[in-house]
Amino acid sequence: MGESLRNEISEYITSQYASSPEYLWAKYPNYAVFRHMGNKKWFAVIMDIPYNKLNISKEGVTDILNVKVSPLMAGSLELNEGILPAYHMKKGAWVSILLDGSVDKEQIKALIAMSYELTDNKKKR
């Protein structure tokens, strides 16, 4: 399920937000960054990570999606199955979502939308 969900989410981001995946690191060829067209800020990152780096006692590797979230929501989101403190990003401001089917696709899409909004250029007051 992971690979097909990874592809589905990647295609969704590309079509919904006009952001194609960027593969920035030769050492990590499966890490895909999605950026805003205007400000070039990241709003989503898809990675394949060994379970043990996520503090999950399972063998192998899983796909995850990192998104920025409201710091007020991060802790409560992490109470949900499949949502973890961010891997390799600022904890409390980002979360990692397992792309293994444990998180509903509509919730994943809502979190992508939140991340997109939070990383957009702030309007001047």
N, C-alpha and C. Protein backbone atom coordinates (compact mmCIF):
# COMPACT_ATOMS: atom_id res chain seq x y z
N MET A 1 0.83 -1.20 0.00
CA MET A 1 0.00 0.00 0.00
C MET A 1 0.86 1.26 0.00
N GLY A 2 1.99 1.25 0.68
CA GLY A 2 2.82 2.43 0.85
C GLY A 2 3.22 3.08 -0.46
N GLU A 3 3.76 2.30 -1.39
CA GLU A 3 4.25 2.86 -2.65
C GLU A 3 3.11 3.48 -3.45
N SER A 4 1.96 2.81 -3.49
CA SER A 4 0.84 3.37 -4.27
C SER A 4 0.28 4.61 -3.59
N LEU A 5 0.22 4.63 -2.25
CA LEU A 5 -0.25 5.81 -1.55
C LEU A 5 0.74 6.96 -1.70
N ARG A 6 2.01 6.64 -1.63
CA ARG A 6 3.05 7.65 -1.86
C ARG A 6 2.85 8.30 -3.23
N ASN A 7 2.67 7.49 -4.26
CA ASN A 7 2.47 8.00 -5.62
C ASN A 7 1.18 8.80 -5.72
N GLU A 8 0.13 8.31 -5.09
CA GLU A 8 -1.16 9.00 -5.13
C GLU A 8 -1.06 10.38 -4.47
N ILE A 9 -0.41 10.46 -3.32
CA ILE A 9 -0.25 11.74 -2.62
C ILE A 9 0.64 12.68 -3.43
N SER A 10 1.70 12.16 -4.00
CA SER A 10 2.58 12.96 -4.84
C SER A 10 1.83 13.54 -6.03
N GLU A 11 1.03 12.72 -6.69
CA GLU A 11 0.24 13.18 -7.83
C GLU A 11 -0.81 14.20 -7.40
N TYR A 12 -1.42 13.98 -6.23
CA TYR A 12 -2.40 14.92 -5.69
C TYR A 12 -1.76 16.29 -5.47
N ILE A 13 -0.59 16.32 -4.82
CA ILE A 13 0.09 17.59 -4.55
C ILE A 13 0.43 18.29 -5.86
N THR A 14 0.94 17.54 -6.82
CA THR A 14 1.31 18.12 -8.11
C THR A 14 0.10 18.74 -8.80
N SER A 15 -1.03 18.04 -8.81
CA SER A 15 -2.20 18.56 -9.51
C SER A 15 -2.91 19.66 -8.71
N GLN A 16 -2.99 19.53 -7.41
CA GLN A 16 -3.72 20.49 -6.59
C GLN A 16 -2.94 21.79 -6.36
N TYR A 17 -1.62 21.68 -6.22
CA TYR A 17 -0.81 22.83 -5.83
C TYR A 17 0.23 23.23 -6.89
N ALA A 18 0.16 22.63 -8.06
CA ALA A 18 1.08 22.95 -9.16
C ALA A 18 2.53 22.91 -8.69
N SER A 19 2.86 21.90 -7.90
CA SER A 19 4.21 21.75 -7.38
C SER A 19 4.71 20.35 -7.71
N SER A 20 5.72 20.29 -8.55
CA SER A 20 6.30 19.00 -8.92
C SER A 20 7.34 18.60 -7.88
N PRO A 21 7.48 17.29 -7.63
CA PRO A 21 8.48 16.85 -6.66
C PRO A 21 9.90 17.19 -7.12
N GLU A 22 10.71 17.64 -6.19
CA GLU A 22 12.12 17.90 -6.44
C GLU A 22 12.93 16.88 -5.65
N TYR A 23 13.86 16.24 -6.31
CA TYR A 23 14.72 15.25 -5.67
C TYR A 23 16.09 15.89 -5.51
N LEU A 24 16.37 16.39 -4.30
CA LEU A 24 17.52 17.27 -4.07
C LEU A 24 18.80 16.56 -3.66
N TRP A 25 18.71 15.32 -3.17
CA TRP A 25 19.88 14.68 -2.59
C TRP A 25 20.19 13.36 -3.28
N ALA A 26 21.39 13.24 -3.83
CA ALA A 26 21.81 12.00 -4.48
C ALA A 26 21.83 10.85 -3.47
N LYS A 27 22.19 11.16 -2.24
CA LYS A 27 22.27 10.13 -1.20
C LYS A 27 20.87 9.59 -0.82
N TYR A 28 19.84 10.42 -1.05
CA TYR A 28 18.46 10.04 -0.71
C TYR A 28 17.57 10.22 -1.94
N PRO A 29 17.69 9.32 -2.91
CA PRO A 29 16.98 9.51 -4.19
C PRO A 29 15.46 9.45 -4.10
N ASN A 30 14.91 8.94 -3.00
CA ASN A 30 13.46 8.85 -2.86
C ASN A 30 12.86 9.98 -2.02
N TYR A 31 13.67 10.95 -1.61
CA TYR A 31 13.17 12.09 -0.85
C TYR A 31 12.68 13.14 -1.84
N ALA A 32 11.41 13.48 -1.77
CA ALA A 32 10.81 14.45 -2.69
C ALA A 32 10.31 15.66 -1.91
N VAL A 33 10.74 16.83 -2.33
CA VAL A 33 10.35 18.09 -1.71
C VAL A 33 9.33 18.79 -2.61
N PHE A 34 8.30 19.35 -1.99
CA PHE A 34 7.31 20.13 -2.72
C PHE A 34 7.36 21.56 -2.20
N ARG A 35 7.44 22.52 -3.13
CA ARG A 35 7.59 23.93 -2.77
C ARG A 35 6.47 24.78 -3.37
N HIS A 36 6.28 25.94 -2.72
CA HIS A 36 5.42 26.97 -3.30
C HIS A 36 6.07 27.48 -4.58
N MET A 37 5.26 27.83 -5.55
CA MET A 37 5.79 28.39 -6.79
C MET A 37 6.43 29.76 -6.53
N GLY A 38 5.79 30.59 -5.72
CA GLY A 38 6.26 31.95 -5.50
C GLY A 38 7.44 32.07 -4.56
N ASN A 39 7.25 31.68 -3.31
CA ASN A 39 8.30 31.91 -2.31
C ASN A 39 9.30 30.77 -2.18
N LYS A 40 9.06 29.68 -2.86
CA LYS A 40 9.97 28.51 -2.88
C LYS A 40 10.09 27.79 -1.53
N LYS A 41 9.23 28.13 -0.57
CA LYS A 41 9.27 27.44 0.72
C LYS A 41 8.69 26.04 0.58
N TRP A 42 9.27 25.12 1.33
CA TRP A 42 8.76 23.75 1.35
C TRP A 42 7.43 23.73 2.10
N PHE A 43 6.49 22.93 1.59
CA PHE A 43 5.27 22.70 2.35
C PHE A 43 5.00 21.21 2.55
N ALA A 44 5.74 20.37 1.86
CA ALA A 44 5.59 18.92 2.04
C ALA A 44 6.88 18.23 1.60
N VAL A 45 7.20 17.16 2.31
CA VAL A 45 8.36 16.34 1.96
C VAL A 45 7.95 14.88 2.10
N ILE A 46 8.18 14.10 1.05
CA ILE A 46 7.92 12.65 1.11
C ILE A 46 9.27 11.96 1.19
N MET A 47 9.39 11.02 2.14
CA MET A 47 10.65 10.31 2.36
C MET A 47 10.38 8.84 2.63
N ASP A 48 11.39 8.02 2.41
CA ASP A 48 11.34 6.63 2.87
C ASP A 48 12.34 6.51 4.01
N ILE A 49 11.85 6.07 5.15
CA ILE A 49 12.62 6.09 6.40
C ILE A 49 12.57 4.71 7.05
N PRO A 50 13.69 4.24 7.57
CA PRO A 50 13.64 3.00 8.35
C PRO A 50 12.74 3.18 9.58
N TYR A 51 11.94 2.19 9.87
CA TYR A 51 11.03 2.25 11.01
C TYR A 51 11.78 2.62 12.30
N ASN A 52 12.98 2.07 12.49
CA ASN A 52 13.68 2.31 13.76
C ASN A 52 14.02 3.79 13.96
N LYS A 53 14.18 4.56 12.88
CA LYS A 53 14.44 6.00 13.01
C LYS A 53 13.19 6.76 13.44
N LEU A 54 12.05 6.11 13.35
CA LEU A 54 10.79 6.70 13.79
C LEU A 54 10.37 6.16 15.15
N ASN A 55 11.26 5.42 15.79
CA ASN A 55 10.99 4.77 17.08
C ASN A 55 9.84 3.77 16.99
N ILE A 56 9.77 3.09 15.86
CA ILE A 56 8.78 2.03 15.66
C ILE A 56 9.55 0.72 15.59
N SER A 57 9.19 -0.21 16.45
CA SER A 57 9.92 -1.48 16.50
C SER A 57 9.38 -2.43 15.44
N LYS A 58 9.82 -2.18 14.21
CA LYS A 58 9.44 -2.96 13.04
C LYS A 58 10.65 -2.98 12.13
N GLU A 59 10.80 -4.05 11.40
CA GLU A 59 11.89 -4.13 10.42
C GLU A 59 11.46 -3.44 9.13
N GLY A 60 12.43 -2.94 8.40
CA GLY A 60 12.16 -2.39 7.08
C GLY A 60 12.05 -0.89 7.05
N VAL A 61 11.46 -0.42 5.95
CA VAL A 61 11.38 1.00 5.63
C VAL A 61 9.92 1.35 5.35
N THR A 62 9.54 2.59 5.65
CA THR A 62 8.19 3.06 5.34
C THR A 62 8.26 4.43 4.71
N ASP A 63 7.24 4.76 3.94
CA ASP A 63 7.13 6.10 3.37
C ASP A 63 6.42 7.00 4.37
N ILE A 64 6.90 8.24 4.47
CA ILE A 64 6.25 9.23 5.32
C ILE A 64 6.09 10.52 4.55
N LEU A 65 5.17 11.35 5.02
CA LEU A 65 4.96 12.69 4.49
C LEU A 65 5.13 13.67 5.64
N ASN A 66 6.05 14.61 5.51
CA ASN A 66 6.21 15.67 6.51
C ASN A 66 5.44 16.89 6.05
N VAL A 67 4.64 17.46 6.96
CA VAL A 67 3.90 18.69 6.67
C VAL A 67 3.98 19.61 7.88
N LYS A 68 3.89 20.89 7.61
CA LYS A 68 3.88 21.89 8.67
C LYS A 68 2.46 21.97 9.23
N VAL A 69 2.37 22.12 10.55
CA VAL A 69 1.06 22.22 11.20
C VAL A 69 1.08 23.35 12.21
N SER A 70 -0.07 23.73 12.63
CA SER A 70 -0.17 24.73 13.69
C SER A 70 0.45 24.14 14.96
N PRO A 71 1.37 24.88 15.60
CA PRO A 71 1.98 24.36 16.83
C PRO A 71 0.94 24.00 17.89
N LEU A 72 -0.21 24.67 17.86
CA LEU A 72 -1.27 24.36 18.83
C LEU A 72 -1.91 23.00 18.56
N MET A 73 -1.80 22.51 17.33
CA MET A 73 -2.42 21.24 16.96
C MET A 73 -1.45 20.06 16.96
N ALA A 74 -0.16 20.33 16.90
CA ALA A 74 0.83 19.25 16.72
C ALA A 74 0.67 18.14 17.75
N GLY A 75 0.62 18.49 19.03
CA GLY A 75 0.52 17.48 20.08
C GLY A 75 -0.71 16.62 19.97
N SER A 76 -1.86 17.24 19.69
CA SER A 76 -3.09 16.45 19.58
C SER A 76 -3.10 15.61 18.31
N LEU A 77 -2.52 16.12 17.23
CA LEU A 77 -2.43 15.32 16.01
C LEU A 77 -1.61 14.06 16.24
N GLU A 78 -0.53 14.20 17.02
CA GLU A 78 0.36 13.07 17.27
C GLU A 78 -0.29 11.98 18.13
N LEU A 79 -1.45 12.26 18.69
CA LEU A 79 -2.20 11.23 19.42
C LEU A 79 -2.89 10.26 18.47
N ASN A 80 -3.02 10.66 17.21
CA ASN A 80 -3.67 9.81 16.21
C ASN A 80 -2.70 8.76 15.69
N GLU A 81 -3.24 7.58 15.42
CA GLU A 81 -2.42 6.52 14.82
C GLU A 81 -1.89 7.01 13.48
N GLY A 82 -0.61 6.77 13.25
CA GLY A 82 0.00 7.10 11.97
C GLY A 82 0.54 8.51 11.85
N ILE A 83 0.39 9.33 12.90
CA ILE A 83 0.94 10.69 12.89
C ILE A 83 1.95 10.79 14.02
N LEU A 84 3.17 11.17 13.66
CA LEU A 84 4.30 11.15 14.59
C LEU A 84 4.97 12.52 14.67
N PRO A 85 5.77 12.74 15.72
CA PRO A 85 6.60 13.95 15.72
C PRO A 85 7.44 13.95 14.45
N ALA A 86 7.70 15.11 13.93
CA ALA A 86 8.38 15.23 12.64
C ALA A 86 9.75 14.56 12.64
N TYR A 87 10.00 13.82 11.58
CA TYR A 87 11.32 13.26 11.35
C TYR A 87 12.14 14.32 10.65
N HIS A 88 13.24 14.70 11.25
CA HIS A 88 14.24 15.58 10.64
C HIS A 88 13.71 16.98 10.32
N MET A 89 12.69 17.42 11.02
CA MET A 89 12.16 18.78 10.86
C MET A 89 11.88 19.30 12.27
N LYS A 90 11.54 20.56 12.39
CA LYS A 90 11.28 21.17 13.69
C LYS A 90 10.05 20.54 14.32
N LYS A 91 10.27 19.83 15.41
CA LYS A 91 9.15 19.20 16.10
C LYS A 91 8.27 20.29 16.72
N GLY A 92 6.99 20.04 16.75
CA GLY A 92 6.06 21.04 17.24
C GLY A 92 5.52 21.93 16.14
N ALA A 93 6.27 22.05 15.05
CA ALA A 93 5.80 22.84 13.91
C ALA A 93 5.53 21.95 12.70
N TRP A 94 6.11 20.75 12.69
CA TRP A 94 5.92 19.79 11.61
C TRP A 94 5.54 18.43 12.21
N VAL A 95 4.84 17.62 11.44
CA VAL A 95 4.56 16.23 11.82
C VAL A 95 4.90 15.32 10.66
N SER A 96 5.12 14.05 10.98
CA SER A 96 5.32 13.01 9.97
C SER A 96 4.07 12.15 9.92
N ILE A 97 3.59 11.89 8.72
CA ILE A 97 2.42 11.05 8.52
C ILE A 97 2.88 9.77 7.84
N LEU A 98 2.59 8.62 8.45
CA LEU A 98 2.92 7.35 7.83
C LEU A 98 2.03 7.17 6.59
N LEU A 99 2.64 6.83 5.48
CA LEU A 99 1.87 6.57 4.26
C LEU A 99 1.66 5.07 4.10
N ASP A 100 1.07 4.49 5.13
CA ASP A 100 0.84 3.04 5.16
C ASP A 100 -0.64 2.69 5.22
N GLY A 101 -1.49 3.70 5.05
CA GLY A 101 -2.93 3.47 5.11
C GLY A 101 -3.53 3.69 6.48
N SER A 102 -2.70 3.99 7.49
CA SER A 102 -3.22 4.18 8.84
C SER A 102 -3.87 5.55 9.04
N VAL A 103 -3.61 6.49 8.14
CA VAL A 103 -4.22 7.82 8.21
C VAL A 103 -5.11 7.99 6.98
N ASP A 104 -6.34 8.41 7.21
CA ASP A 104 -7.32 8.61 6.15
C ASP A 104 -6.81 9.61 5.11
N LYS A 105 -7.03 9.31 3.84
CA LYS A 105 -6.54 10.17 2.76
C LYS A 105 -7.10 11.59 2.85
N GLU A 106 -8.34 11.71 3.27
CA GLU A 106 -8.94 13.06 3.39
C GLU A 106 -8.25 13.85 4.50
N GLN A 107 -7.85 13.18 5.58
CA GLN A 107 -7.11 13.87 6.63
C GLN A 107 -5.73 14.29 6.13
N ILE A 108 -5.09 13.41 5.36
CA ILE A 108 -3.78 13.75 4.78
C ILE A 108 -3.92 14.99 3.89
N LYS A 109 -4.96 15.02 3.06
CA LYS A 109 -5.17 16.18 2.17
C LYS A 109 -5.43 17.45 2.97
N ALA A 110 -6.19 17.35 4.06
CA ALA A 110 -6.45 18.52 4.90
C ALA A 110 -5.16 19.03 5.54
N LEU A 111 -4.28 18.11 5.95
CA LEU A 111 -3.01 18.51 6.56
C LEU A 111 -2.07 19.12 5.52
N ILE A 112 -2.12 18.63 4.30
CA ILE A 112 -1.33 19.25 3.22
C ILE A 112 -1.82 20.68 2.99
N ALA A 113 -3.14 20.87 2.97
CA ALA A 113 -3.71 22.21 2.77
C ALA A 113 -3.27 23.15 3.90
N MET A 114 -3.28 22.66 5.14
CA MET A 114 -2.83 23.47 6.26
C MET A 114 -1.36 23.85 6.09
N SER A 115 -0.55 22.89 5.72
CA SER A 115 0.87 23.15 5.53
C SER A 115 1.10 24.17 4.43
N TYR A 116 0.35 24.05 3.37
CA TYR A 116 0.48 24.99 2.25
C TYR A 116 0.16 26.41 2.72
N GLU A 117 -0.91 26.55 3.47
CA GLU A 117 -1.30 27.87 3.98
C GLU A 117 -0.26 28.42 4.97
N LEU A 118 0.22 27.59 5.87
CA LEU A 118 1.17 28.04 6.89
C LEU A 118 2.52 28.44 6.31
N THR A 119 2.86 27.91 5.16
CA THR A 119 4.16 28.23 4.55
C THR A 119 4.05 29.28 3.45
N ASP A 120 2.85 29.74 3.20
CA ASP A 120 2.65 30.78 2.19
C ASP A 120 3.20 32.10 2.72
N ASN A 121 3.49 33.04 1.82
CA ASN A 121 3.94 34.36 2.26
C ASN A 121 2.86 34.98 3.14
N LYS A 122 3.28 35.53 4.24
CA LYS A 122 2.35 36.19 5.15
C LYS A 122 1.95 37.55 4.57
N LYS A 123 0.67 37.86 4.70
CA LYS A 123 0.20 39.15 4.23
C LYS A 123 0.58 40.22 5.23
N LYS A 124 1.00 41.38 4.72
CA LYS A 124 1.36 42.50 5.60
C LYS A 124 0.10 43.12 6.17
N ARG A 125 0.21 43.52 7.42
CA ARG A 125 -0.96 44.13 8.08
C ARG A 125 -0.91 45.62 7.94
